[in-house]
PDB file of N, CA and C in Angstrom:
ATOM      1  N   MET A   1       3.234  13.585  22.028  1.00  0.00           N
ATOM      2  CA  MET A   1       2.339  12.533  22.470  1.00  0.00           C
ATOM      3  C   MET A   1       3.179  11.457  23.152  1.00  0.00           C
ATOM      4  N   GLN A   2       3.003  11.293  24.442  1.00  0.00           N
ATOM      5  CA  GLN A   2       3.768  10.302  25.187  1.00  0.00           C
ATOM      6  C   GLN A   2       2.905   9.110  25.590  1.00  0.00           C
ATOM      7  N   TYR A   3       1.615   9.364  25.857  1.00  0.00           N
ATOM      8  CA  TYR A   3       0.704   8.312  26.271  1.00  0.00           C
ATOM      9  C   TYR A   3      -0.512   8.305  25.357  1.00  0.00           C
ATOM     10  N   ILE A   4      -1.097   7.129  25.184  1.00  0.00           N
ATOM     11  CA  ILE A   4      -2.327   7.026  24.406  1.00  0.00           C
ATOM     12  C   ILE A   4      -3.171   5.910  25.010  1.00  0.00           C
ATOM     13  N   THR A   5      -4.473   6.145  25.084  1.00  0.00           N
ATOM     14  CA  THR A   5      -5.388   5.135  25.613  1.00  0.00           C
ATOM     15  C   THR A   5      -5.995   4.355  24.456  1.00  0.00           C
ATOM     16  N   PHE A   6      -6.685   3.269  24.801  1.00  0.00           N
ATOM     17  CA  PHE A   6      -7.309   2.455  23.765  1.00  0.00           C
ATOM     18  C   PHE A   6      -8.387   3.240  23.022  1.00  0.00           C
ATOM     19  N   THR A   7      -9.113   4.094  23.733  1.00  0.00           N
ATOM     20  CA  THR A   7     -10.135   4.923  23.088  1.00  0.00           C
ATOM     21  C   THR A   7      -9.483   5.886  22.109  1.00  0.00           C
ATOM     22  N   GLU A   8      -8.377   6.485  22.519  1.00  0.00           N
ATOM     23  CA  GLU A   8      -7.687   7.422  21.639  1.00  0.00           C
ATOM     24  C   GLU A   8      -7.073   6.721  20.432  1.00  0.00           C
ATOM     25  N   LEU A   9      -6.783   5.430  20.551  1.00  0.00           N
ATOM     26  CA  LEU A   9      -6.289   4.683  19.389  1.00  0.00           C
ATOM     27  C   LEU A   9      -7.308   4.740  18.264  1.00  0.00           C
ATOM     28  N   ARG A  10      -8.593   4.624  18.635  1.00  0.00           N
ATOM     29  CA  ARG A  10      -9.646   4.668  17.623  1.00  0.00           C
ATOM     30  C   ARG A  10      -9.936   6.083  17.150  1.00  0.00           C
ATOM     31  N   THR A  11      -9.943   7.032  18.081  1.00  0.00           N
ATOM     32  CA  THR A  11     -10.388   8.378  17.731  1.00  0.00           C
ATOM     33  C   THR A  11      -9.265   9.293  17.245  1.00  0.00           C
ATOM     34  N   LYS A  12      -8.048   9.048  17.678  1.00  0.00           N
ATOM     35  CA  LYS A  12      -6.938   9.934  17.328  1.00  0.00           C
ATOM     36  C   LYS A  12      -5.804   9.181  16.633  1.00  0.00           C
ATOM     37  N   SER A  13      -6.165   8.269  15.759  1.00  0.00           N
ATOM     38  CA  SER A  13      -5.145   7.466  15.083  1.00  0.00           C
ATOM     39  C   SER A  13      -4.265   8.325  14.180  1.00  0.00           C
ATOM     40  N   HIS A  14      -4.812   9.424  13.659  1.00  0.00           N
ATOM     41  CA  HIS A  14      -4.027  10.324  12.809  1.00  0.00           C
ATOM     42  C   HIS A  14      -2.870  10.926  13.606  1.00  0.00           C
ATOM     43  N   ASN A  15      -3.156  11.339  14.843  1.00  0.00           N
ATOM     44  CA  ASN A  15      -2.103  11.900  15.698  1.00  0.00           C
ATOM     45  C   ASN A  15      -1.054  10.851  16.035  1.00  0.00           C
ATOM     46  N   LEU A  16      -1.499   9.621  16.252  1.00  0.00           N
ATOM     47  CA  LEU A  16      -0.570   8.529  16.540  1.00  0.00           C
ATOM     48  C   LEU A  16       0.365   8.298  15.356  1.00  0.00           C
ATOM     49  N   ALA A  17      -0.194   8.287  14.157  1.00  0.00           N
ATOM     50  CA  ALA A  17       0.618   8.072  12.964  1.00  0.00           C
ATOM     51  C   ALA A  17       1.656   9.179  12.796  1.00  0.00           C
ATOM     52  N   LYS A  18       1.245  10.417  13.027  1.00  0.00           N
ATOM     53  CA  LYS A  18       2.184  11.539  12.924  1.00  0.00           C
ATOM     54  C   LYS A  18       3.314  11.416  13.936  1.00  0.00           C
ATOM     55  N   ALA A  19       2.972  11.032  15.162  1.00  0.00           N
ATOM     56  CA  ALA A  19       3.981  10.891  16.200  1.00  0.00           C
ATOM     57  C   ALA A  19       4.970   9.783  15.845  1.00  0.00           C
ATOM     58  N   LEU A  20       4.470   8.677  15.324  1.00  0.00           N
ATOM     59  CA  LEU A  20       5.357   7.583  14.929  1.00  0.00           C
ATOM     60  C   LEU A  20       6.255   7.991  13.766  1.00  0.00           C
ATOM     61  N   GLU A  21       5.716   8.770  12.832  1.00  0.00           N
ATOM     62  CA  GLU A  21       6.532   9.256  11.714  1.00  0.00           C
ATOM     63  C   GLU A  21       7.651  10.171  12.207  1.00  0.00           C
ATOM     64  N   ASN A  22       7.399  10.877  13.300  1.00  0.00           N
ATOM     65  CA  ASN A  22       8.411  11.767  13.876  1.00  0.00           C
ATOM     66  C   ASN A  22       9.405  11.016  14.758  1.00  0.00           C
ATOM     67  N   GLY A  23       9.209   9.705  14.895  1.00  0.00           N
ATOM     68  CA  GLY A  23      10.150   8.893  15.665  1.00  0.00           C
ATOM     69  C   GLY A  23       9.865   8.825  17.146  1.00  0.00           C
ATOM     70  N   GLU A  24       8.677   9.240  17.561  1.00  0.00           N
ATOM     71  CA  GLU A  24       8.338   9.226  18.982  1.00  0.00           C
ATOM     72  C   GLU A  24       7.941   7.823  19.430  1.00  0.00           C
ATOM     73  N   GLU A  25       8.225   7.528  20.695  1.00  0.00           N
ATOM     74  CA  GLU A  25       7.816   6.272  21.315  1.00  0.00           C
ATOM     75  C   GLU A  25       6.605   6.570  22.195  1.00  0.00           C
ATOM     76  N   ILE A  26       5.520   5.818  22.022  1.00  0.00           N
ATOM     77  CA  ILE A  26       4.278   6.094  22.728  1.00  0.00           C
ATOM     78  C   ILE A  26       3.949   4.929  23.652  1.00  0.00           C
ATOM     79  N   LYS A  27       3.519   5.245  24.871  1.00  0.00           N
ATOM     80  CA  LYS A  27       3.128   4.222  25.835  1.00  0.00           C
ATOM     81  C   LYS A  27       1.611   4.029  25.758  1.00  0.00           C
ATOM     82  N   LEU A  28       1.187   2.776  25.756  1.00  0.00           N
ATOM     83  CA  LEU A  28      -0.222   2.423  25.657  1.00  0.00           C
ATOM     84  C   LEU A  28      -0.793   2.220  27.052  1.00  0.00           C
ATOM     85  N   VAL A  29      -1.874   2.957  27.371  1.00  0.00           N
ATOM     86  CA  VAL A  29      -2.455   2.953  28.711  1.00  0.00           C
ATOM     87  C   VAL A  29      -3.829   2.293  28.667  1.00  0.00           C
ATOM     88  N   ARG A  30      -4.073   1.399  29.655  1.00  0.00           N
ATOM     89  CA  ARG A  30      -5.383   0.766  29.802  1.00  0.00           C
ATOM     90  C   ARG A  30      -5.714   0.736  31.291  1.00  0.00           C
ATOM     91  N   LYS A  31      -6.842   1.312  31.650  1.00  0.00           N
ATOM     92  CA  LYS A  31      -7.290   1.376  33.046  1.00  0.00           C
ATOM     93  C   LYS A  31      -6.200   1.962  33.949  1.00  0.00           C
ATOM     94  N   SER A  32      -5.647   3.084  33.509  1.00  0.00           N
ATOM     95  CA  SER A  32      -4.628   3.843  34.244  1.00  0.00           C
ATOM     96  C   SER A  32      -3.323   3.091  34.462  1.00  0.00           C
ATOM     97  N   ARG A  33      -3.098   2.046  33.691  1.00  0.00           N
ATOM     98  CA  ARG A  33      -1.835   1.305  33.787  1.00  0.00           C
ATOM     99  C   ARG A  33      -1.193   1.220  32.410  1.00  0.00           C
ATOM    100  N   ILE A  34       0.107   1.329  32.356  1.00  0.00           N
ATOM    101  CA  ILE A  34       0.834   1.186  31.094  1.00  0.00           C
ATOM    102  C   ILE A  34       0.910  -0.299  30.773  1.00  0.00           C
ATOM    103  N   VAL A  35       0.371  -0.669  29.605  1.00  0.00           N
ATOM    104  CA  VAL A  35       0.344  -2.080  29.223  1.00  0.00           C
ATOM    105  C   VAL A  35       1.297  -2.390  28.073  1.00  0.00           C
ATOM    106  N   GLY A  36       1.849  -1.370  27.451  1.00  0.00           N
ATOM    107  CA  GLY A  36       2.777  -1.633  26.360  1.00  0.00           C
ATOM    108  C   GLY A  36       3.341  -0.361  25.768  1.00  0.00           C
ATOM    109  N   LYS A  37       4.203  -0.563  24.767  1.00  0.00           N
ATOM    110  CA  LYS A  37       4.821   0.558  24.054  1.00  0.00           C
ATOM    111  C   LYS A  37       4.556   0.405  22.568  1.00  0.00           C
ATOM    112  N   ILE A  38       4.392   1.532  21.918  1.00  0.00           N
ATOM    113  CA  ILE A  38       4.302   1.563  20.461  1.00  0.00           C
ATOM    114  C   ILE A  38       5.535   2.314  19.989  1.00  0.00           C
ATOM    115  N   ILE A  39       6.396   1.608  19.269  1.00  0.00           N
ATOM    116  CA  ILE A  39       7.635   2.232  18.815  1.00  0.00           C
ATOM    117  C   ILE A  39       7.672   2.232  17.285  1.00  0.00           C
ATOM    118  N   PRO A  40       8.229   3.275  16.692  1.00  0.00           N
ATOM    119  CA  PRO A  40       8.281   3.352  15.236  1.00  0.00           C
ATOM    120  C   PRO A  40       9.294   2.378  14.649  1.00  0.00           C
ATOM    121  N   ASP A  41       9.024   1.930  13.447  1.00  0.00           N
ATOM    122  CA  ASP A  41       9.933   1.047  12.722  1.00  0.00           C
ATOM    123  C   ASP A  41      10.782   1.916  11.808  1.00  0.00           C
ATOM    124  N   ASN A  42      12.013   2.144  12.197  1.00  0.00           N
ATOM    125  CA  ASN A  42      12.898   3.018  11.425  1.00  0.00           C
ATOM    126  C   ASN A  42      13.622   2.287  10.310  1.00  0.00           C
ATOM    127  N   SER A  43      13.449   0.969  10.244  1.00  0.00           N
ATOM    128  CA  SER A  43      14.164   0.208   9.222  1.00  0.00           C
ATOM    129  C   SER A  43      13.526   0.325   7.842  1.00  0.00           C
ATOM    130  N   VAL A  44      12.299   0.818   7.776  1.00  0.00           N
ATOM    131  CA  VAL A  44      11.616   0.949   6.489  1.00  0.00           C
ATOM    132  C   VAL A  44      12.178   2.152   5.748  1.00  0.00           C
ATOM    133  N   ALA A  45      12.680   1.906   4.559  1.00  0.00           N
ATOM    134  CA  ALA A  45      13.241   2.987   3.752  1.00  0.00           C
ATOM    135  C   ALA A  45      12.412   3.146   2.474  1.00  0.00           C
ATOM    136  N   ILE A  46      12.257   4.362   2.049  1.00  0.00           N
ATOM    137  CA  ILE A  46      11.519   4.640   0.825  1.00  0.00           C
ATOM    138  C   ILE A  46      12.464   4.472  -0.355  1.00  0.00           C
ATOM    139  N   LYS A  47      12.056   3.620  -1.276  1.00  0.00           N
ATOM    140  CA  LYS A  47      12.882   3.392  -2.453  1.00  0.00           C
ATOM    141  C   LYS A  47      12.462   4.353  -3.555  1.00  0.00           C
ATOM    142  N   SER A  48      13.436   4.933  -4.193  1.00  0.00           N
ATOM    143  CA  SER A  48      13.146   5.814  -5.314  1.00  0.00           C
ATOM    144  C   SER A  48      13.400   5.057  -6.612  1.00  0.00           C
ATOM    145  N   ILE A  49      12.684   5.455  -7.634  1.00  0.00           N
ATOM    146  CA  ILE A  49      12.792   4.794  -8.930  1.00  0.00           C
ATOM    147  C   ILE A  49      13.400   5.769  -9.926  1.00  0.00           C
ATOM    148  N   ASN A  50      14.380   5.292 -10.649  1.00  0.00           N
ATOM    149  CA  ASN A  50      14.972   6.090 -11.704  1.00  0.00           C
ATOM    150  C   ASN A  50      14.142   5.852 -12.963  1.00  0.00           C
ATOM    151  N   ALA A  51      13.461   6.883 -13.432  1.00  0.00           N
ATOM    152  CA  ALA A  51      12.539   6.743 -14.559  1.00  0.00           C
ATOM    153  C   ALA A  51      13.271   6.348 -15.844  1.00  0.00           C
ATOM    154  N   LYS A  52      14.452   6.853 -16.042  1.00  0.00           N
ATOM    155  CA  LYS A  52      15.205   6.520 -17.262  1.00  0.00           C
ATOM    156  C   LYS A  52      15.559   5.037 -17.292  1.00  0.00           C
ATOM    157  N   LYS A  53      16.033   4.500 -16.146  1.00  0.00           N
ATOM    158  CA  LYS A  53      16.379   3.083 -16.086  1.00  0.00           C
ATOM    159  C   LYS A  53      15.144   2.210 -16.291  1.00  0.00           C
ATOM    160  N   LEU A  54      14.032   2.618 -15.693  1.00  0.00           N
ATOM    161  CA  LEU A  54      12.793   1.858 -15.853  1.00  0.00           C
ATOM    162  C   LEU A  54      12.352   1.855 -17.314  1.00  0.00           C
ATOM    163  N   GLU A  55      12.467   2.991 -17.966  1.00  0.00           N
ATOM    164  CA  GLU A  55      12.082   3.091 -19.368  1.00  0.00           C
ATOM    165  C   GLU A  55      12.956   2.194 -20.248  1.00  0.00           C
ATOM    166  N   THR A  56      14.257   2.139 -19.973  1.00  0.00           N
ATOM    167  CA  THR A  56      15.131   1.273 -20.776  1.00  0.00           C
ATOM    168  C   THR A  56      14.813  -0.202 -20.536  1.00  0.00           C
ATOM    169  N   LYS A  57      14.467  -0.563 -19.299  1.00  0.00           N
ATOM    170  CA  LYS A  57      14.092  -1.951 -19.023  1.00  0.00           C
ATOM    171  C   LYS A  57      12.807  -2.330 -19.740  1.00  0.00           C
ATOM    172  N   ILE A  58      11.861  -1.416 -19.775  1.00  0.00           N
ATOM    173  CA  ILE A  58      10.603  -1.683 -20.484  1.00  0.00           C
ATOM    174  C   ILE A  58      10.855  -1.816 -21.975  1.00  0.00           C
ATOM    175  N   ASP A  59      11.726  -0.973 -22.505  1.00  0.00           N
ATOM    176  CA  ASP A  59      12.056  -1.054 -23.932  1.00  0.00           C
ATOM    177  C   ASP A  59      12.728  -2.376 -24.276  1.00  0.00           C
ATOM    178  N   ARG A  60      13.565  -2.882 -23.368  1.00  0.00           N
ATOM    179  CA  ARG A  60      14.243  -4.154 -23.618  1.00  0.00           C
ATOM    180  C   ARG A  60      13.274  -5.332 -23.665  1.00  0.00           C
ATOM    181  N   LEU A  61      12.119  -5.205 -23.004  1.00  0.00           N
ATOM    182  CA  LEU A  61      11.132  -6.279 -23.043  1.00  0.00           C
ATOM    183  C   LEU A  61      10.522  -6.436 -24.430  1.00  0.00           C
ATOM    184  N   ASP A  62      10.542  -5.365 -25.196  1.00  0.00           N
ATOM    185  CA  ASP A  62      10.051  -5.365 -26.571  1.00  0.00           C
ATOM    186  C   ASP A  62       8.618  -5.903 -26.656  1.00  0.00           C
ATOM    187  N   LEU A  63       7.741  -5.328 -25.838  1.00  0.00           N
ATOM    188  CA  LEU A  63       6.338  -5.723 -25.843  1.00  0.00           C
ATOM    189  C   LEU A  63       5.625  -5.146 -27.061  1.00  0.00           C
ATOM    190  N   PRO A  64       4.653  -5.887 -27.613  1.00  0.00           N
ATOM    191  CA  PRO A  64       3.947  -5.361 -28.775  1.00  0.00           C
ATOM    192  C   PRO A  64       3.019  -4.209 -28.375  1.00  0.00           C
ATOM    193  N   SER A  65       2.922  -3.218 -29.249  1.00  0.00           N
ATOM    194  CA  SER A  65       1.982  -2.139 -28.973  1.00  0.00           C
ATOM    195  C   SER A  65       0.609  -2.593 -29.455  1.00  0.00           C
ATOM    196  N   LEU A  66      -0.383  -2.440 -28.612  1.00  0.00           N
ATOM    197  CA  LEU A  66      -1.717  -2.937 -28.896  1.00  0.00           C
ATOM    198  C   LEU A  66      -2.699  -1.789 -29.070  1.00  0.00           C
ATOM    199  N   THR A  67      -3.629  -1.980 -29.983  1.00  0.00           N
ATOM    200  CA  THR A  67      -4.706  -1.008 -30.144  1.00  0.00           C
ATOM    201  C   THR A  67      -5.787  -1.336 -29.122  1.00  0.00           C
ATOM    202  N   MET A  68      -6.701  -0.408 -28.915  1.00  0.00           N
ATOM    203  CA  MET A  68      -7.800  -0.651 -27.981  1.00  0.00           C
ATOM    204  C   MET A  68      -8.662  -1.816 -28.458  1.00  0.00           C
ATOM    205  N   LYS A  69      -8.813  -1.948 -29.760  1.00  0.00           N
ATOM    206  CA  LYS A  69      -9.612  -3.046 -30.318  1.00  0.00           C
ATOM    207  C   LYS A  69      -8.970  -4.397 -29.982  1.00  0.00           C
ATOM    208  N   GLU A  70      -7.633  -4.483 -30.087  1.00  0.00           N
ATOM    209  CA  GLU A  70      -6.932  -5.728 -29.786  1.00  0.00           C
ATOM    210  C   GLU A  70      -6.968  -6.025 -28.284  1.00  0.00           C
ATOM    211  N   ILE A  71      -6.845  -4.986 -27.468  1.00  0.00           N
ATOM    212  CA  ILE A  71      -6.933  -5.163 -26.017  1.00  0.00           C
ATOM    213  C   ILE A  71      -8.310  -5.709 -25.644  1.00  0.00           C
ATOM    214  N   ASP A  72      -9.360  -5.138 -26.236  1.00  0.00           N
ATOM    215  CA  ASP A  72     -10.730  -5.586 -25.969  1.00  0.00           C
ATOM    216  C   ASP A  72     -10.925  -7.028 -26.418  1.00  0.00           C
ATOM    217  N   ARG A  73     -10.389  -7.378 -27.574  1.00  0.00           N
ATOM    218  CA  ARG A  73     -10.531  -8.735 -28.092  1.00  0.00           C
ATOM    219  C   ARG A  73      -9.844  -9.740 -27.152  1.00  0.00           C
ATOM    220  N   ARG A  74      -8.636  -9.424 -26.704  1.00  0.00           N
ATOM    221  CA  ARG A  74      -7.916 -10.316 -25.801  1.00  0.00           C
ATOM    222  C   ARG A  74      -8.623 -10.440 -24.453  1.00  0.00           C
ATOM    223  N   TYR A  75      -9.188  -9.334 -23.986  1.00  0.00           N
ATOM    224  CA  TYR A  75      -9.922  -9.348 -22.725  1.00  0.00           C
ATOM    225  C   TYR A  75     -11.135 -10.259 -22.825  1.00  0.00           C
ATOM    226  N   ARG A  76     -11.904 -10.123 -23.917  1.00  0.00           N
ATOM    227  CA  ARG A  76     -13.095 -10.957 -24.102  1.00  0.00           C
ATOM    228  C   ARG A  76     -12.737 -12.435 -24.200  1.00  0.00           C
ATOM    229  N   LEU A  77     -11.647 -12.751 -24.902  1.00  0.00           N
ATOM    230  CA  LEU A  77     -11.218 -14.149 -24.988  1.00  0.00           C
ATOM    231  C   LEU A  77     -10.844 -14.700 -23.612  1.00  0.00           C
ATOM    232  N   ALA A  78     -10.156 -13.899 -22.814  1.00  0.00           N
ATOM    233  CA  ALA A  78      -9.765 -14.341 -21.479  1.00  0.00           C
ATOM    234  C   ALA A  78     -10.990 -14.558 -20.592  1.00  0.00           C
ATOM    235  N   MET A  79     -11.991 -13.674 -20.704  1.00  0.00           N
ATOM    236  CA  MET A  79     -13.206 -13.825 -19.907  1.00  0.00           C
ATOM    237  C   MET A  79     -14.019 -15.039 -20.356  1.00  0.00           C
ATOM    238  N   MET A  80     -14.039 -15.291 -21.654  1.00  0.00           N
ATOM    239  CA  MET A  80     -14.749 -16.472 -22.167  1.00  0.00           C
ATOM    240  C   MET A  80     -14.065 -17.752 -21.657  1.00  0.00           C
ATOM    241  N   LYS A  81     -12.755 -17.752 -21.653  1.00  0.00           N
ATOM    242  CA  LYS A  81     -12.009 -18.918 -21.184  1.00  0.00           C
ATOM    243  C   LYS A  81     -12.229 -19.131 -19.685  1.00  0.00           C
ATOM    244  N   LYS A  82     -12.294 -18.045 -18.944  1.00  0.00           N
ATOM    245  CA  LYS A  82     -12.431 -18.131 -17.493  1.00  0.00           C
ATOM    246  C   LYS A  82     -13.863 -18.446 -17.071  1.00  0.00           C
ATOM    247  N   HIS A  83     -14.860 -17.767 -17.682  1.00  0.00           N
ATOM    248  CA  HIS A  83     -16.243 -17.854 -17.214  1.00  0.00           C
ATOM    249  C   HIS A  83     -17.192 -18.598 -18.150  1.00  0.00           C
ATOM    250  N   GLY A  84     -16.785 -18.834 -19.361  1.00  0.00           N
ATOM    251  CA  GLY A  84     -17.675 -19.512 -20.307  1.00  0.00           C
ATOM    252  C   GLY A  84     -18.539 -18.539 -21.082  1.00  0.00           C
ATOM    253  N   GLN A  85     -19.448 -19.074 -21.881  1.00  0.00           N
ATOM    254  CA  GLN A  85     -20.323 -18.255 -22.727  1.00  0.00           C
ATOM    255  C   GLN A  85     -21.257 -17.408 -21.883  1.00  0.00           C
ATOM    256  N   GLY A  86     -21.419 -16.153 -22.263  1.00  0.00           N
ATOM    257  CA  GLY A  86     -22.311 -15.247 -21.557  1.00  0.00           C
ATOM    258  C   GLY A  86     -23.767 -15.500 -21.911  1.00  0.00           C
ATOM    259  N   ILE A  87     -24.685 -14.884 -21.175  1.00  0.00           N
ATOM    260  CA  ILE A  87     -26.120 -15.058 -21.413  1.00  0.00           C
ATOM    261  C   ILE A  87     -26.573 -14.299 -22.641  1.00  0.00           C
ATOM    262  N   ALA A  88     -26.121 -13.060 -22.774  1.00  0.00           N
ATOM    263  CA  ALA A  88     -26.624 -12.208 -23.864  1.00  0.00           C
ATOM    264  C   ALA A  88     -25.882 -12.431 -25.135  1.00  0.00           C
TER     265      ALA A  88
END
């Protein structure tokens, strides 16, 4: 894909995304004239997460384990504080 029109931007955006992922540079055409370029951003890097390190960090936080009943109670208190007494 070397050229794309404004209509194709709406109808073929999936193809545009694939081309950008492949590192292609696309020229934008309007009324048979090139009005700009769409170039991929190669600086974006995917960060990976080490599950073991994340688990040790969570363990270090030493958060209390909560039952569903306690979670529900805390949720209701927060909603009462935020919104006030309910109708029912």
